[in-house]
Amino acid sequence: MSKNNHANHSNHLENHDLDNFSKTGYSNSRLSAQIPVQTYPNLSFDAMTIVGNLSRDNAQKLSSFMSIEPQIRLWDILQTKFKAKALQEKVYIEYDKVKADTWDRRNMRVEFNPNKLTHEEMIWLKQNIIDYMEDDGFTRLDLAFDFEDDLSDYYAMTDKAVKKTVFYGRNGKPETKYFGVRDSDRFIRIYNKKQERKDNADVEV
């Protein structure tokens, strides 16, 4: 190859490389690595109380059904009251007409944790228990937010002053925070669910 051809070939390669370089965009991989990943909590209802009224006929029908249903354990049975647990005792049921009339409130309530019931069990509960009630509604509905963040970063914002209680673990970090008063309309509990499971089951989490 002649010197001129060699020089032209070299210039062509250099220009080609420069052209490719000019078309290459700047990588943002380093920038994206510095942006914190925003995590969103898992939301679920972990406690429900449904109340309603049983008519005399429905109370008799429901009591008869529960007395022979193998998934229900019935006790404290009288003509105007009964207590029961259903679905491996995951559901609590109480009917008391005398107490309801005395306190002017609905005479039956059903308590359960939806997270512990399968879809089929929820359908069974509605069709066999809740559908007997009239004028039914919620008196308790607990909404749970599950997240992996430090409890120190969380606090409650309310339009009124609320009582705050904090419990600390052995490591000096907060493990449970209470805002408000239990059984009130303004009550928030933030706690370390992993630690609670470890304490209850004594297993590694």
N, C-alpha and C. Protein backbone atom coordinates (compact mmCIF):
# COMPACT_ATOMS: atom_id res chain seq x y z
N MET A 1 0.87 -1.19 0.00
CA MET A 1 0.00 0.00 0.00
C MET A 1 0.89 1.23 0.00
N SER A 2 0.57 2.26 -0.82
CA SER A 2 1.38 3.48 -0.89
C SER A 2 1.19 4.30 0.36
N LYS A 3 2.10 5.26 0.55
CA LYS A 3 2.01 6.11 1.74
C LYS A 3 0.73 6.94 1.72
N ASN A 4 0.36 7.47 0.50
CA ASN A 4 -0.85 8.30 0.42
C ASN A 4 -2.10 7.49 0.74
N ASN A 5 -2.15 6.26 0.16
CA ASN A 5 -3.31 5.41 0.44
C ASN A 5 -3.37 5.04 1.92
N HIS A 6 -2.20 4.78 2.52
CA HIS A 6 -2.17 4.43 3.93
C HIS A 6 -2.64 5.59 4.80
N ALA A 7 -2.22 6.80 4.42
CA ALA A 7 -2.62 7.99 5.19
C ALA A 7 -4.11 8.23 5.06
N ASN A 8 -4.63 8.09 3.81
CA ASN A 8 -6.06 8.28 3.60
C ASN A 8 -6.88 7.25 4.37
N HIS A 9 -6.38 6.01 4.39
CA HIS A 9 -7.08 4.95 5.12
C HIS A 9 -7.10 5.24 6.63
N SER A 10 -5.97 5.74 7.13
CA SER A 10 -5.90 6.08 8.56
C SER A 10 -6.85 7.22 8.89
N ASN A 11 -6.88 8.24 8.01
CA ASN A 11 -7.79 9.36 8.25
C ASN A 11 -9.25 8.91 8.23
N HIS A 12 -9.56 7.97 7.32
CA HIS A 12 -10.93 7.46 7.23
C HIS A 12 -11.33 6.74 8.52
N LEU A 13 -10.40 5.93 9.07
CA LEU A 13 -10.69 5.22 10.31
C LEU A 13 -10.89 6.19 11.47
N GLU A 14 -10.02 7.21 11.54
CA GLU A 14 -10.14 8.18 12.63
C GLU A 14 -11.46 8.94 12.53
N ASN A 15 -11.80 9.37 11.29
CA ASN A 15 -13.06 10.11 11.12
C ASN A 15 -14.27 9.23 11.44
N HIS A 16 -14.15 7.94 11.04
CA HIS A 16 -15.24 7.00 11.32
C HIS A 16 -15.43 6.81 12.83
N ASP A 17 -14.29 6.68 13.55
CA ASP A 17 -14.36 6.52 15.00
C ASP A 17 -14.94 7.76 15.66
N LEU A 18 -14.52 8.94 15.18
CA LEU A 18 -15.04 10.18 15.75
C LEU A 18 -16.53 10.32 15.49
N ASP A 19 -16.94 9.87 14.29
CA ASP A 19 -18.35 9.94 13.96
C ASP A 19 -19.18 9.04 14.87
N ASN A 20 -18.66 7.82 15.11
CA ASN A 20 -19.35 6.91 16.02
C ASN A 20 -19.40 7.47 17.43
N PHE A 21 -18.31 8.08 17.86
CA PHE A 21 -18.25 8.66 19.20
C PHE A 21 -19.27 9.78 19.35
N SER A 22 -19.41 10.59 18.27
CA SER A 22 -20.34 11.71 18.36
C SER A 22 -21.79 11.24 18.43
N LYS A 23 -22.07 10.02 17.91
CA LYS A 23 -23.43 9.48 17.94
C LYS A 23 -23.74 8.77 19.25
N THR A 24 -22.71 8.52 20.04
CA THR A 24 -22.91 7.79 21.29
C THR A 24 -23.44 8.73 22.37
N GLY A 25 -24.55 8.38 23.02
CA GLY A 25 -25.10 9.20 24.08
C GLY A 25 -24.37 8.98 25.39
N TYR A 26 -24.44 9.97 26.28
CA TYR A 26 -23.83 9.83 27.59
C TYR A 26 -24.61 8.82 28.42
N SER A 27 -23.91 7.94 29.09
CA SER A 27 -24.56 6.93 29.92
C SER A 27 -25.08 7.57 31.20
N ASN A 28 -26.28 7.23 31.58
CA ASN A 28 -26.83 7.73 32.85
C ASN A 28 -26.86 6.64 33.91
N SER A 29 -26.06 5.59 33.73
CA SER A 29 -26.07 4.48 34.68
C SER A 29 -25.60 4.93 36.05
N ARG A 30 -24.60 5.80 36.11
CA ARG A 30 -24.13 6.27 37.41
C ARG A 30 -25.17 7.15 38.07
N LEU A 31 -25.82 8.00 37.26
CA LEU A 31 -26.82 8.88 37.84
C LEU A 31 -28.00 8.08 38.39
N SER A 32 -28.45 7.08 37.62
CA SER A 32 -29.59 6.30 38.08
C SER A 32 -29.26 5.50 39.33
N ALA A 33 -28.02 5.11 39.49
CA ALA A 33 -27.63 4.33 40.66
C ALA A 33 -27.69 5.18 41.93
N GLN A 34 -27.59 6.50 41.76
CA GLN A 34 -27.59 7.38 42.92
C GLN A 34 -29.00 7.79 43.34
N ILE A 35 -29.99 7.48 42.51
CA ILE A 35 -31.37 7.84 42.83
C ILE A 35 -31.96 6.76 43.72
N PRO A 36 -32.42 7.09 44.92
CA PRO A 36 -32.97 6.06 45.81
C PRO A 36 -34.24 5.45 45.24
N VAL A 37 -34.40 4.17 45.42
CA VAL A 37 -35.58 3.47 44.94
C VAL A 37 -36.72 3.69 45.94
N GLN A 38 -37.83 4.19 45.43
CA GLN A 38 -38.98 4.45 46.29
C GLN A 38 -39.78 3.17 46.47
N THR A 39 -39.97 2.77 47.71
CA THR A 39 -40.73 1.56 47.99
C THR A 39 -42.14 1.94 48.45
N TYR A 40 -43.09 1.12 48.09
CA TYR A 40 -44.47 1.35 48.46
C TYR A 40 -44.94 0.24 49.40
N PRO A 41 -45.65 0.58 50.45
CA PRO A 41 -46.09 -0.45 51.40
C PRO A 41 -47.18 -1.33 50.81
N ASN A 42 -47.26 -2.56 51.33
CA ASN A 42 -48.36 -3.44 50.98
C ASN A 42 -49.55 -3.11 51.88
N LEU A 43 -50.70 -2.91 51.29
CA LEU A 43 -51.90 -2.54 52.03
C LEU A 43 -52.84 -3.73 52.15
N SER A 44 -53.41 -3.89 53.34
CA SER A 44 -54.39 -4.96 53.54
C SER A 44 -55.23 -4.63 54.78
N PHE A 45 -56.41 -5.22 54.86
CA PHE A 45 -57.24 -5.13 56.06
C PHE A 45 -56.90 -6.32 56.95
N ASP A 46 -56.50 -6.05 58.19
CA ASP A 46 -56.12 -7.17 59.06
C ASP A 46 -57.04 -7.32 60.27
N ALA A 47 -58.14 -6.59 60.32
CA ALA A 47 -59.15 -6.79 61.36
C ALA A 47 -60.46 -6.15 60.91
N MET A 48 -61.54 -6.89 61.06
CA MET A 48 -62.86 -6.37 60.70
C MET A 48 -63.88 -6.78 61.76
N THR A 49 -64.78 -5.87 62.06
CA THR A 49 -65.94 -6.19 62.88
C THR A 49 -67.18 -5.73 62.13
N ILE A 50 -68.06 -6.69 61.83
CA ILE A 50 -69.31 -6.40 61.13
C ILE A 50 -70.45 -6.63 62.11
N VAL A 51 -71.33 -5.64 62.22
CA VAL A 51 -72.48 -5.77 63.12
C VAL A 51 -73.76 -5.66 62.30
N GLY A 52 -74.82 -6.23 62.84
CA GLY A 52 -76.11 -6.17 62.19
C GLY A 52 -77.19 -6.71 63.12
N ASN A 53 -78.39 -6.78 62.61
CA ASN A 53 -79.51 -7.27 63.41
C ASN A 53 -80.02 -8.60 62.86
N LEU A 54 -80.26 -9.53 63.78
CA LEU A 54 -80.91 -10.80 63.44
C LEU A 54 -82.37 -10.71 63.85
N SER A 55 -83.25 -10.99 62.92
CA SER A 55 -84.66 -11.11 63.28
C SER A 55 -84.85 -12.39 64.08
N ARG A 56 -86.01 -12.54 64.70
CA ARG A 56 -86.25 -13.74 65.51
C ARG A 56 -86.18 -15.00 64.64
N ASP A 57 -86.76 -14.93 63.45
CA ASP A 57 -86.74 -16.10 62.57
C ASP A 57 -85.32 -16.43 62.11
N ASN A 58 -84.57 -15.40 61.72
CA ASN A 58 -83.20 -15.64 61.25
C ASN A 58 -82.30 -16.11 62.38
N ALA A 59 -82.54 -15.61 63.59
CA ALA A 59 -81.75 -16.08 64.73
C ALA A 59 -81.97 -17.56 64.97
N GLN A 60 -83.21 -18.00 64.83
CA GLN A 60 -83.53 -19.42 65.02
C GLN A 60 -82.92 -20.26 63.89
N LYS A 61 -83.01 -19.78 62.66
CA LYS A 61 -82.43 -20.50 61.52
C LYS A 61 -80.92 -20.61 61.65
N LEU A 62 -80.28 -19.49 62.00
CA LEU A 62 -78.82 -19.48 62.11
C LEU A 62 -78.35 -20.37 63.25
N SER A 63 -79.05 -20.32 64.37
CA SER A 63 -78.69 -21.16 65.51
C SER A 63 -78.81 -22.64 65.16
N SER A 64 -79.86 -22.99 64.43
CA SER A 64 -80.04 -24.39 64.02
C SER A 64 -78.94 -24.82 63.06
N PHE A 65 -78.59 -23.94 62.12
CA PHE A 65 -77.52 -24.27 61.17
C PHE A 65 -76.18 -24.44 61.88
N MET A 66 -75.87 -23.54 62.80
CA MET A 66 -74.57 -23.59 63.46
C MET A 66 -74.45 -24.79 64.39
N SER A 67 -75.56 -25.26 64.91
CA SER A 67 -75.51 -26.40 65.84
C SER A 67 -75.12 -27.70 65.15
N ILE A 68 -75.29 -27.78 63.83
CA ILE A 68 -74.95 -29.01 63.10
C ILE A 68 -73.80 -28.81 62.12
N GLU A 69 -73.34 -27.58 61.94
CA GLU A 69 -72.26 -27.30 60.99
C GLU A 69 -70.91 -27.67 61.62
N PRO A 70 -70.14 -28.58 61.00
CA PRO A 70 -68.87 -29.02 61.60
C PRO A 70 -67.80 -27.94 61.68
N GLN A 71 -67.93 -26.89 60.88
CA GLN A 71 -66.92 -25.82 60.90
C GLN A 71 -67.19 -24.77 61.97
N ILE A 72 -68.20 -24.99 62.79
CA ILE A 72 -68.59 -24.02 63.81
C ILE A 72 -68.60 -24.67 65.19
N ARG A 73 -68.02 -23.96 66.16
CA ARG A 73 -68.09 -24.40 67.56
C ARG A 73 -69.00 -23.42 68.30
N LEU A 74 -70.10 -23.92 68.81
CA LEU A 74 -71.14 -23.09 69.39
C LEU A 74 -71.19 -23.29 70.90
N TRP A 75 -71.36 -22.20 71.66
CA TRP A 75 -71.50 -22.31 73.11
C TRP A 75 -72.33 -21.13 73.64
N ASP A 76 -72.60 -21.16 74.94
CA ASP A 76 -73.39 -20.11 75.60
C ASP A 76 -74.72 -19.90 74.86
N ILE A 77 -75.43 -21.00 74.63
CA ILE A 77 -76.63 -20.96 73.80
C ILE A 77 -77.88 -20.80 74.66
N LEU A 78 -78.62 -19.73 74.40
CA LEU A 78 -79.94 -19.51 75.00
C LEU A 78 -80.89 -19.09 73.89
N GLN A 79 -82.12 -18.85 74.25
CA GLN A 79 -83.11 -18.49 73.23
C GLN A 79 -82.80 -17.14 72.59
N THR A 80 -82.18 -16.25 73.36
CA THR A 80 -81.93 -14.89 72.85
C THR A 80 -80.45 -14.57 72.70
N LYS A 81 -79.59 -15.57 72.78
CA LYS A 81 -78.15 -15.29 72.66
C LYS A 81 -77.39 -16.56 72.29
N PHE A 82 -76.24 -16.36 71.69
CA PHE A 82 -75.28 -17.46 71.47
C PHE A 82 -73.93 -16.86 71.12
N LYS A 83 -72.89 -17.66 71.32
CA LYS A 83 -71.54 -17.31 70.90
C LYS A 83 -70.99 -18.47 70.09
N ALA A 84 -70.12 -18.16 69.15
CA ALA A 84 -69.58 -19.22 68.30
C ALA A 84 -68.25 -18.79 67.70
N LYS A 85 -67.46 -19.80 67.31
CA LYS A 85 -66.26 -19.58 66.51
C LYS A 85 -66.33 -20.49 65.30
N ALA A 86 -65.88 -19.97 64.16
CA ALA A 86 -66.01 -20.70 62.91
C ALA A 86 -64.69 -20.73 62.15
N LEU A 87 -64.60 -21.67 61.20
CA LEU A 87 -63.45 -21.78 60.30
C LEU A 87 -62.14 -21.88 61.07
N GLN A 88 -61.99 -22.95 61.80
CA GLN A 88 -60.80 -23.19 62.63
C GLN A 88 -60.59 -22.05 63.63
N GLU A 89 -61.70 -21.53 64.13
CA GLU A 89 -61.72 -20.48 65.16
C GLU A 89 -61.09 -19.17 64.68
N LYS A 90 -61.11 -18.94 63.38
CA LYS A 90 -60.60 -17.69 62.83
C LYS A 90 -61.67 -16.61 62.80
N VAL A 91 -62.92 -16.99 63.07
CA VAL A 91 -64.04 -16.04 63.05
C VAL A 91 -64.79 -16.15 64.37
N TYR A 92 -65.05 -14.99 65.01
CA TYR A 92 -65.82 -14.95 66.25
C TYR A 92 -67.20 -14.39 65.94
N ILE A 93 -68.25 -15.04 66.46
CA ILE A 93 -69.63 -14.65 66.21
C ILE A 93 -70.36 -14.53 67.55
N GLU A 94 -71.09 -13.45 67.72
CA GLU A 94 -71.86 -13.28 68.96
C GLU A 94 -73.21 -12.65 68.65
N TYR A 95 -74.23 -13.22 69.27
CA TYR A 95 -75.59 -12.70 69.16
C TYR A 95 -76.16 -12.56 70.57
N ASP A 96 -76.69 -11.36 70.88
CA ASP A 96 -77.26 -11.13 72.21
C ASP A 96 -78.36 -10.09 72.08
N LYS A 97 -79.59 -10.55 72.00
CA LYS A 97 -80.71 -9.63 71.78
C LYS A 97 -81.01 -8.78 73.02
N VAL A 98 -80.92 -9.37 74.20
CA VAL A 98 -81.23 -8.63 75.43
C VAL A 98 -80.24 -7.49 75.63
N LYS A 99 -78.97 -7.78 75.49
CA LYS A 99 -77.95 -6.75 75.65
C LYS A 99 -78.11 -5.65 74.60
N ALA A 100 -78.43 -6.05 73.37
CA ALA A 100 -78.60 -5.08 72.30
C ALA A 100 -79.78 -4.15 72.58
N ASP A 101 -80.88 -4.71 73.05
CA ASP A 101 -82.05 -3.89 73.36
C ASP A 101 -81.76 -2.95 74.53
N THR A 102 -80.98 -3.44 75.50
CA THR A 102 -80.65 -2.62 76.67
C THR A 102 -79.77 -1.43 76.29
N TRP A 103 -78.78 -1.69 75.43
CA TRP A 103 -77.83 -0.65 75.05
C TRP A 103 -78.19 0.04 73.73
N ASP A 104 -79.34 -0.30 73.17
CA ASP A 104 -79.81 0.30 71.92
C ASP A 104 -78.75 0.18 70.82
N ARG A 105 -78.34 -1.03 70.56
CA ARG A 105 -77.37 -1.28 69.50
C ARG A 105 -77.75 -2.56 68.76
N ARG A 106 -77.08 -2.84 67.67
CA ARG A 106 -77.40 -4.02 66.88
C ARG A 106 -77.00 -5.29 67.62
N ASN A 107 -77.75 -6.37 67.36
CA ASN A 107 -77.68 -7.53 68.26
C ASN A 107 -76.69 -8.62 67.85
N MET A 108 -76.02 -8.47 66.72
CA MET A 108 -75.07 -9.50 66.31
C MET A 108 -73.80 -8.86 65.76
N ARG A 109 -72.67 -9.51 66.05
CA ARG A 109 -71.41 -9.02 65.50
C ARG A 109 -70.54 -10.20 65.07
N VAL A 110 -69.74 -9.96 64.05
CA VAL A 110 -68.82 -10.95 63.51
C VAL A 110 -67.44 -10.31 63.42
N GLU A 111 -66.44 -10.96 64.03
CA GLU A 111 -65.08 -10.42 64.04
C GLU A 111 -64.13 -11.41 63.36
N PHE A 112 -63.24 -10.90 62.52
CA PHE A 112 -62.28 -11.77 61.84
C PHE A 112 -61.16 -10.95 61.21
N ASN A 113 -60.09 -11.64 60.84
CA ASN A 113 -58.97 -11.05 60.12
C ASN A 113 -59.02 -11.54 58.68
N PRO A 114 -59.32 -10.68 57.72
CA PRO A 114 -59.44 -11.13 56.32
C PRO A 114 -58.16 -11.77 55.79
N ASN A 115 -57.00 -11.36 56.31
CA ASN A 115 -55.74 -11.93 55.83
C ASN A 115 -55.61 -13.42 56.15
N LYS A 116 -56.35 -13.88 57.16
CA LYS A 116 -56.25 -15.28 57.57
C LYS A 116 -57.30 -16.18 56.93
N LEU A 117 -58.15 -15.59 56.11
CA LEU A 117 -59.20 -16.37 55.45
C LEU A 117 -58.91 -16.50 53.96
N THR A 118 -59.18 -17.67 53.41
CA THR A 118 -59.06 -17.85 51.97
C THR A 118 -60.28 -17.24 51.28
N HIS A 119 -60.19 -17.12 49.97
CA HIS A 119 -61.32 -16.57 49.22
C HIS A 119 -62.57 -17.42 49.41
N GLU A 120 -62.38 -18.73 49.41
CA GLU A 120 -63.52 -19.64 49.60
C GLU A 120 -64.12 -19.49 50.99
N GLU A 121 -63.27 -19.29 52.00
CA GLU A 121 -63.77 -19.10 53.36
C GLU A 121 -64.53 -17.79 53.49
N MET A 122 -64.08 -16.75 52.79
CA MET A 122 -64.80 -15.47 52.81
C MET A 122 -66.19 -15.63 52.21
N ILE A 123 -66.27 -16.35 51.11
CA ILE A 123 -67.57 -16.59 50.49
C ILE A 123 -68.47 -17.41 51.42
N TRP A 124 -67.91 -18.44 52.04
CA TRP A 124 -68.67 -19.25 52.99
C TRP A 124 -69.20 -18.40 54.13
N LEU A 125 -68.36 -17.52 54.67
CA LEU A 125 -68.75 -16.67 55.79
C LEU A 125 -69.89 -15.74 55.39
N LYS A 126 -69.80 -15.16 54.22
CA LYS A 126 -70.85 -14.25 53.76
C LYS A 126 -72.17 -14.99 53.55
N GLN A 127 -72.11 -16.11 52.85
CA GLN A 127 -73.34 -16.82 52.50
C GLN A 127 -74.01 -17.48 53.69
N ASN A 128 -73.22 -17.97 54.63
CA ASN A 128 -73.78 -18.77 55.73
C ASN A 128 -73.98 -18.02 57.03
N ILE A 129 -73.33 -16.87 57.19
CA ILE A 129 -73.43 -16.12 58.45
C ILE A 129 -73.90 -14.69 58.21
N ILE A 130 -73.12 -13.93 57.46
CA ILE A 130 -73.37 -12.49 57.34
C ILE A 130 -74.68 -12.19 56.62
N ASP A 131 -75.03 -13.00 55.63
CA ASP A 131 -76.26 -12.74 54.87
C ASP A 131 -77.53 -12.85 55.72
N TYR A 132 -77.45 -13.47 56.89
CA TYR A 132 -78.61 -13.54 57.79
C TYR A 132 -78.89 -12.18 58.45
N MET A 133 -77.88 -11.32 58.51
CA MET A 133 -78.01 -10.05 59.23
C MET A 133 -78.69 -9.00 58.36
N GLU A 134 -79.44 -8.13 59.03
CA GLU A 134 -80.04 -6.97 58.38
C GLU A 134 -79.42 -5.70 58.98
N ASP A 135 -79.49 -4.62 58.22
CA ASP A 135 -78.93 -3.34 58.68
C ASP A 135 -77.47 -3.52 59.11
N ASP A 136 -76.69 -4.24 58.33
CA ASP A 136 -75.32 -4.54 58.72
C ASP A 136 -74.35 -3.45 58.26
N GLY A 137 -73.23 -3.37 58.97
CA GLY A 137 -72.20 -2.38 58.65
C GLY A 137 -70.95 -2.64 59.47
N PHE A 138 -69.92 -1.83 59.22
CA PHE A 138 -68.65 -1.98 59.93
C PHE A 138 -68.62 -1.12 61.18
N THR A 139 -68.08 -1.67 62.26
CA THR A 139 -67.73 -0.85 63.43
C THR A 139 -66.23 -0.82 63.64
N ARG A 140 -65.51 -1.72 62.97
CA ARG A 140 -64.05 -1.72 63.05
C ARG A 140 -63.50 -2.18 61.71
N LEU A 141 -62.49 -1.44 61.22
CA LEU A 141 -61.85 -1.78 59.96
C LEU A 141 -60.40 -1.32 60.05
N ASP A 142 -59.50 -2.26 60.31
CA ASP A 142 -58.08 -1.93 60.49
C ASP A 142 -57.34 -2.07 59.17
N LEU A 143 -56.70 -0.98 58.75
CA LEU A 143 -55.92 -0.97 57.51
C LEU A 143 -54.44 -1.08 57.86
N ALA A 144 -53.77 -2.10 57.33
CA ALA A 144 -52.36 -2.35 57.64
C ALA A 144 -51.48 -1.95 56.46
N PHE A 145 -50.36 -1.26 56.77
CA PHE A 145 -49.35 -0.90 55.79
C PHE A 145 -48.08 -1.66 56.16
N ASP A 146 -47.64 -2.57 55.31
CA ASP A 146 -46.41 -3.34 55.56
C ASP A 146 -45.27 -2.76 54.75
N PHE A 147 -44.19 -2.34 55.44
CA PHE A 147 -43.05 -1.75 54.75
C PHE A 147 -41.77 -2.18 55.43
N GLU A 148 -40.63 -1.91 54.78
CA GLU A 148 -39.34 -2.39 55.27
C GLU A 148 -38.47 -1.26 55.82
N ASP A 149 -39.05 -0.13 56.14
CA ASP A 149 -38.27 1.03 56.56
C ASP A 149 -38.10 1.09 58.07
N ASP A 150 -37.17 1.94 58.49
CA ASP A 150 -36.91 2.16 59.91
C ASP A 150 -38.09 2.91 60.53
N LEU A 151 -38.55 2.45 61.69
CA LEU A 151 -39.68 3.10 62.34
C LEU A 151 -39.36 4.54 62.74
N SER A 152 -38.08 4.85 62.91
CA SER A 152 -37.69 6.20 63.32
C SER A 152 -38.12 7.24 62.29
N ASP A 153 -38.31 6.81 61.04
CA ASP A 153 -38.62 7.75 59.97
C ASP A 153 -40.11 8.08 59.88
N TYR A 154 -40.93 7.46 60.71
CA TYR A 154 -42.38 7.61 60.56
C TYR A 154 -43.00 8.31 61.77
N TYR A 155 -43.95 9.18 61.46
CA TYR A 155 -44.70 9.87 62.50
C TYR A 155 -46.10 10.15 61.96
N ALA A 156 -47.00 10.54 62.83
CA ALA A 156 -48.39 10.77 62.43
C ALA A 156 -48.66 12.27 62.30
N MET A 157 -49.39 12.64 61.25
CA MET A 157 -49.82 14.02 61.07
C MET A 157 -51.34 14.05 61.20
N THR A 158 -51.84 14.78 62.17
CA THR A 158 -53.28 14.87 62.40
C THR A 158 -53.68 16.32 62.56
N ASP A 159 -54.98 16.57 62.42
CA ASP A 159 -55.48 17.94 62.57
C ASP A 159 -55.69 18.30 64.04
N LYS A 160 -55.56 17.31 64.94
CA LYS A 160 -55.68 17.56 66.37
C LYS A 160 -54.54 16.87 67.10
N ALA A 161 -54.23 17.37 68.28
CA ALA A 161 -53.16 16.76 69.08
C ALA A 161 -53.60 15.37 69.54
N VAL A 162 -52.67 14.41 69.43
CA VAL A 162 -52.96 13.04 69.88
C VAL A 162 -51.83 12.57 70.79
N LYS A 163 -52.17 11.66 71.66
CA LYS A 163 -51.18 11.09 72.57
C LYS A 163 -50.22 10.21 71.79
N LYS A 164 -48.94 10.30 72.15
CA LYS A 164 -47.91 9.50 71.47
C LYS A 164 -47.15 8.66 72.50
N THR A 165 -47.02 7.36 72.23
CA THR A 165 -46.28 6.45 73.09
C THR A 165 -45.31 5.66 72.23
N VAL A 166 -44.04 5.58 72.67
CA VAL A 166 -43.01 4.88 71.91
C VAL A 166 -42.34 3.84 72.80
N PHE A 167 -42.22 2.61 72.30
CA PHE A 167 -41.49 1.55 72.99
C PHE A 167 -40.23 1.23 72.20
N TYR A 168 -39.11 1.13 72.92
CA TYR A 168 -37.81 0.90 72.28
C TYR A 168 -37.34 -0.53 72.52
N GLY A 169 -36.60 -1.07 71.55
CA GLY A 169 -36.04 -2.41 71.67
C GLY A 169 -34.69 -2.40 72.36
N ARG A 170 -34.06 -3.57 72.43
CA ARG A 170 -32.76 -3.69 73.09
C ARG A 170 -31.68 -2.90 72.38
N ASN A 171 -31.85 -2.71 71.08
CA ASN A 171 -30.84 -1.97 70.32
C ASN A 171 -31.03 -0.46 70.38
N GLY A 172 -31.99 -0.01 71.16
CA GLY A 172 -32.22 1.42 71.31
C GLY A 172 -33.10 2.03 70.24
N LYS A 173 -33.52 1.23 69.26
CA LYS A 173 -34.36 1.74 68.19
C LYS A 173 -35.84 1.51 68.53
N PRO A 174 -36.71 2.41 68.07
CA PRO A 174 -38.14 2.23 68.36
C PRO A 174 -38.69 0.99 67.68
N GLU A 175 -39.47 0.20 68.43
CA GLU A 175 -40.09 -1.00 67.88
C GLU A 175 -41.60 -0.86 67.75
N THR A 176 -42.18 -0.01 68.57
CA THR A 176 -43.63 0.22 68.49
C THR A 176 -43.92 1.68 68.79
N LYS A 177 -44.80 2.26 67.97
CA LYS A 177 -45.26 3.63 68.19
C LYS A 177 -46.78 3.64 68.19
N TYR A 178 -47.34 4.29 69.20
CA TYR A 178 -48.79 4.46 69.27
C TYR A 178 -49.12 5.95 69.15
N PHE A 179 -50.09 6.25 68.29
CA PHE A 179 -50.60 7.61 68.18
C PHE A 179 -52.10 7.55 68.43
N GLY A 180 -52.57 8.34 69.41
CA GLY A 180 -53.98 8.31 69.75
C GLY A 180 -54.28 7.29 70.82
N VAL A 181 -55.57 7.03 71.02
CA VAL A 181 -56.04 6.13 72.07
C VAL A 181 -56.77 4.96 71.42
N ARG A 182 -56.46 3.74 71.90
CA ARG A 182 -57.12 2.54 71.36
C ARG A 182 -58.64 2.65 71.49
N ASP A 183 -59.34 2.08 70.52
CA ASP A 183 -60.81 2.10 70.46
C ASP A 183 -61.37 3.48 70.16
N SER A 184 -60.50 4.41 69.74
CA SER A 184 -60.99 5.72 69.33
C SER A 184 -60.94 5.81 67.81
N ASP A 185 -61.47 6.91 67.27
CA ASP A 185 -61.43 7.11 65.82
C ASP A 185 -60.06 7.56 65.35
N ARG A 186 -59.18 7.90 66.27
CA ARG A 186 -57.84 8.38 65.93
C ARG A 186 -56.82 7.49 66.63
N PHE A 187 -56.54 6.36 66.05
CA PHE A 187 -55.56 5.45 66.64
C PHE A 187 -54.71 4.84 65.55
N ILE A 188 -53.39 5.01 65.67
CA ILE A 188 -52.44 4.45 64.72
C ILE A 188 -51.38 3.69 65.51
N ARG A 189 -51.09 2.48 65.07
CA ARG A 189 -50.01 1.70 65.68
C ARG A 189 -48.99 1.35 64.61
N ILE A 190 -47.74 1.70 64.85
CA ILE A 190 -46.64 1.34 63.95
C ILE A 190 -45.71 0.43 64.74
N TYR A 191 -45.46 -0.77 64.24
CA TYR A 191 -44.66 -1.71 65.01
C TYR A 191 -43.80 -2.58 64.11
N ASN A 192 -42.80 -3.21 64.73
CA ASN A 192 -41.87 -4.09 64.03
C ASN A 192 -42.50 -5.48 63.92
N LYS A 193 -43.06 -5.79 62.77
CA LYS A 193 -43.78 -7.05 62.60
C LYS A 193 -42.83 -8.25 62.66
N LYS A 194 -41.62 -8.09 62.12
CA LYS A 194 -40.66 -9.19 62.15
C LYS A 194 -40.28 -9.53 63.59
N GLN A 195 -40.07 -8.49 64.40
CA GLN A 195 -39.71 -8.73 65.80
C GLN A 195 -40.86 -9.38 66.55
N GLU A 196 -42.09 -8.95 66.25
CA GLU A 196 -43.25 -9.55 66.91
C GLU A 196 -43.35 -11.04 66.58
N ARG A 197 -43.14 -11.38 65.30
CA ARG A 197 -43.19 -12.79 64.92
C ARG A 197 -42.08 -13.58 65.59
N LYS A 198 -40.92 -12.97 65.71
CA LYS A 198 -39.80 -13.65 66.36
C LYS A 198 -40.10 -13.89 67.83
N ASP A 199 -40.67 -12.88 68.50
CA ASP A 199 -41.00 -13.02 69.92
C ASP A 199 -42.08 -14.07 70.13
N ASN A 200 -43.07 -14.10 69.23
CA ASN A 200 -44.19 -15.04 69.39
C ASN A 200 -43.81 -16.47 69.05
N ALA A 201 -42.99 -16.64 68.03
CA ALA A 201 -42.67 -17.99 67.56
C ALA A 201 -41.27 -18.44 67.92
N ASP A 202 -40.44 -17.50 68.39
CA ASP A 202 -39.06 -17.81 68.74
C ASP A 202 -38.34 -18.46 67.56
N VAL A 203 -38.48 -17.83 66.37
CA VAL A 203 -37.82 -18.32 65.17
C VAL A 203 -37.00 -17.20 64.57
N GLU A 204 -36.06 -17.58 63.73
CA GLU A 204 -35.22 -16.60 63.06
C GLU A 204 -35.99 -15.97 61.92
N VAL A 205 -35.98 -14.63 61.86
CA VAL A 205 -36.68 -13.94 60.78
C VAL A 205 -35.72 -12.99 60.10
